Amino acid sequence: MSEDTEFRLKQLSLQLRKKNRAAHDQFVRRTLKDDYETDFYGEVKPFADGMQEMIDEWRPLATKWVNSRKPRYVYPIQIKDTYDNLSIVCVTAFQKDTRRRRFFETIKAIDYVLDNIVEQLNRDGRSE
């Protein structure tokens, strides 16, 4: 895997970490408020579409990286699960009926994988 590809993987992982944090903040600071009303076309769709575009680029890079580098603590199934979780979180962050505990656990699981990818890339001395 080229250094440019690993650099792009790191960039996307960091951007997805920010998006994951934004989904968390949306849920905690806005969605849970009694007076919050979902604006599907104004908020949800643009957020979800932007996230989907990023994760569609991220998944093949992350999968290729995991298969070629065999990093510690990151496995192919986690890439698939993180992809799926990000696809779900970007929408459920705007839904009042989202189960809180499950939402927060999903956010943590996503952070764990993204943080491990960035940490491993930094440790390898590539993509600095």
Protein backbone atom coordinates (compact mmCIF):
# COMPACT_ATOMS: atom_id res chain seq x y z
CA MET A 1 0.00 0.00 0.00
CA SER A 2 1.47 3.35 -1.00
CA GLU A 3 2.24 6.15 1.42
CA ASP A 4 -0.28 8.35 -0.41
CA THR A 5 -3.00 5.76 0.13
CA GLU A 6 -2.12 5.40 3.79
CA PHE A 7 -2.11 9.18 4.15
CA ARG A 8 -5.60 9.31 2.61
CA LEU A 9 -6.78 6.56 4.97
CA LYS A 10 -5.49 8.57 7.92
CA GLN A 11 -7.20 11.75 6.66
CA LEU A 12 -10.51 9.98 6.17
CA SER A 13 -10.26 8.26 9.56
CA LEU A 14 -9.70 11.62 11.26
CA GLN A 15 -12.57 13.21 9.34
CA LEU A 16 -14.86 10.32 10.23
CA ARG A 17 -13.84 10.70 13.87
CA LYS A 18 -15.03 14.33 13.68
CA LYS A 19 -18.28 13.30 11.98
CA ASN A 20 -18.83 10.66 14.65
CA ARG A 21 -18.32 13.33 17.31
CA ALA A 22 -20.74 15.61 15.44
CA ALA A 23 -23.36 12.84 15.43
CA HIS A 24 -22.85 12.36 19.18
CA ASP A 25 -23.14 16.10 19.82
CA GLN A 26 -26.24 16.36 17.63
CA PHE A 27 -27.93 13.63 19.61
CA VAL A 28 -26.96 14.97 23.05
CA ARG A 29 -27.32 18.71 22.48
CA ARG A 30 -30.26 18.87 20.11
CA THR A 31 -32.17 15.64 19.43
CA LEU A 32 -32.82 14.86 23.09
CA LYS A 33 -34.39 18.27 23.71
CA ASP A 34 -38.17 18.22 24.04
CA ASP A 35 -38.70 20.91 21.41
CA TYR A 36 -36.42 19.39 18.74
CA GLU A 37 -38.03 18.65 15.39
CA THR A 38 -36.18 16.72 12.70
CA ASP A 39 -35.49 18.59 9.47
CA PHE A 40 -34.88 15.67 7.12
CA TYR A 41 -33.93 17.58 3.97
CA GLY A 42 -32.20 20.45 5.76
CA GLU A 43 -30.12 18.48 8.27
CA VAL A 44 -30.38 14.70 8.17
CA LYS A 45 -29.97 14.08 4.45
CA PRO A 46 -26.98 16.42 3.93
CA PHE A 47 -25.23 15.00 7.02
CA ALA A 48 -25.93 11.38 6.05
CA ASP A 49 -24.99 11.92 2.39
CA GLY A 50 -21.68 13.52 3.39
CA MET A 51 -20.93 10.70 5.81
CA GLN A 52 -21.86 8.04 3.26
CA GLU A 53 -19.54 9.53 0.66
CA MET A 54 -16.66 9.45 3.14
CA ILE A 55 -17.26 5.93 4.39
CA ASP A 56 -17.65 4.63 0.84
CA GLU A 57 -14.13 5.90 0.15
CA TRP A 58 -12.78 4.85 3.57
CA ARG A 59 -13.94 1.20 3.64
CA PRO A 60 -11.91 -0.16 0.69
CA LEU A 61 -8.79 1.72 1.84
CA ALA A 62 -9.17 0.45 5.41
CA THR A 63 -9.87 -3.10 4.26
CA LYS A 64 -6.84 -3.13 1.99
CA TRP A 65 -4.68 -1.67 4.76
CA VAL A 66 -5.84 -4.24 7.34
CA ASN A 67 -5.28 -7.12 4.92
CA SER A 68 -1.81 -5.97 3.86
CA ARG A 69 -0.40 -4.56 7.14
CA LYS A 70 -2.11 -6.89 9.62
CA PRO A 71 -2.21 -4.19 12.33
CA ARG A 72 -2.68 -5.03 15.99
CA TYR A 73 -6.20 -4.65 17.35
CA VAL A 74 -7.84 -3.96 13.98
CA TYR A 75 -9.44 -6.78 11.98
CA PRO A 76 -11.39 -6.96 8.71
CA ILE A 77 -14.70 -7.60 10.50
CA GLN A 78 -14.21 -4.38 12.48
CA ILE A 79 -13.88 -2.41 9.24
CA LYS A 80 -17.18 -3.84 8.01
CA ASP A 81 -18.88 -3.24 11.36
CA THR A 82 -17.53 0.32 11.59
CA TYR A 83 -18.79 1.03 8.08
CA ASP A 84 -22.23 -0.30 9.04
CA ASN A 85 -22.24 1.56 12.35
CA LEU A 86 -21.30 4.87 10.72
CA SER A 87 -24.09 4.38 8.18
CA ILE A 88 -26.56 3.94 11.01
CA VAL A 89 -25.28 6.59 13.44
CA CYS A 90 -25.43 9.39 10.88
CA VAL A 91 -29.21 8.95 10.74
CA THR A 92 -30.10 7.78 14.25
CA ALA A 93 -28.40 10.85 15.74
CA PHE A 94 -31.42 12.83 14.53
CA GLN A 95 -34.13 10.43 15.76
CA LYS A 96 -35.82 10.98 19.10
CA ASP A 97 -36.67 7.29 19.50
CA THR A 98 -33.02 6.20 19.30
CA ARG A 99 -32.04 4.01 22.23
CA ARG A 100 -29.48 6.05 24.16
CA ARG A 101 -27.30 3.30 25.55
CA ARG A 102 -26.99 1.52 22.23
CA PHE A 103 -26.26 4.81 20.43
CA PHE A 104 -23.47 5.72 22.87
CA GLU A 105 -21.96 2.23 22.72
CA THR A 106 -21.95 2.41 18.92
CA ILE A 107 -20.22 5.80 19.02
CA LYS A 108 -17.55 4.32 21.33
CA ALA A 109 -17.03 1.30 19.08
CA ILE A 110 -16.55 3.55 16.04
CA ASP A 111 -14.08 5.75 17.93
CA TYR A 112 -12.12 2.70 19.07
CA VAL A 113 -11.57 1.43 15.53
CA LEU A 114 -10.83 4.85 14.00
CA ASP A 115 -8.44 5.75 16.83
CA ASN A 116 -6.62 2.44 16.45
CA ILE A 117 -6.21 2.95 12.71
CA VAL A 118 -4.77 6.44 13.17
CA GLU A 119 -2.53 5.28 16.01
CA GLN A 120 -1.17 2.35 13.97
CA LEU A 121 -0.56 4.57 10.95
CA ASN A 122 1.30 7.05 13.14
CA ARG A 123 3.29 4.25 14.76
CA ASP A 124 4.32 2.89 11.37
CA GLY A 125 5.84 6.29 10.65
CA ARG A 126 3.82 6.56 7.48
CA SER A 127 1.34 9.34 6.71
CA GLU A 128 2.87 11.85 9.09
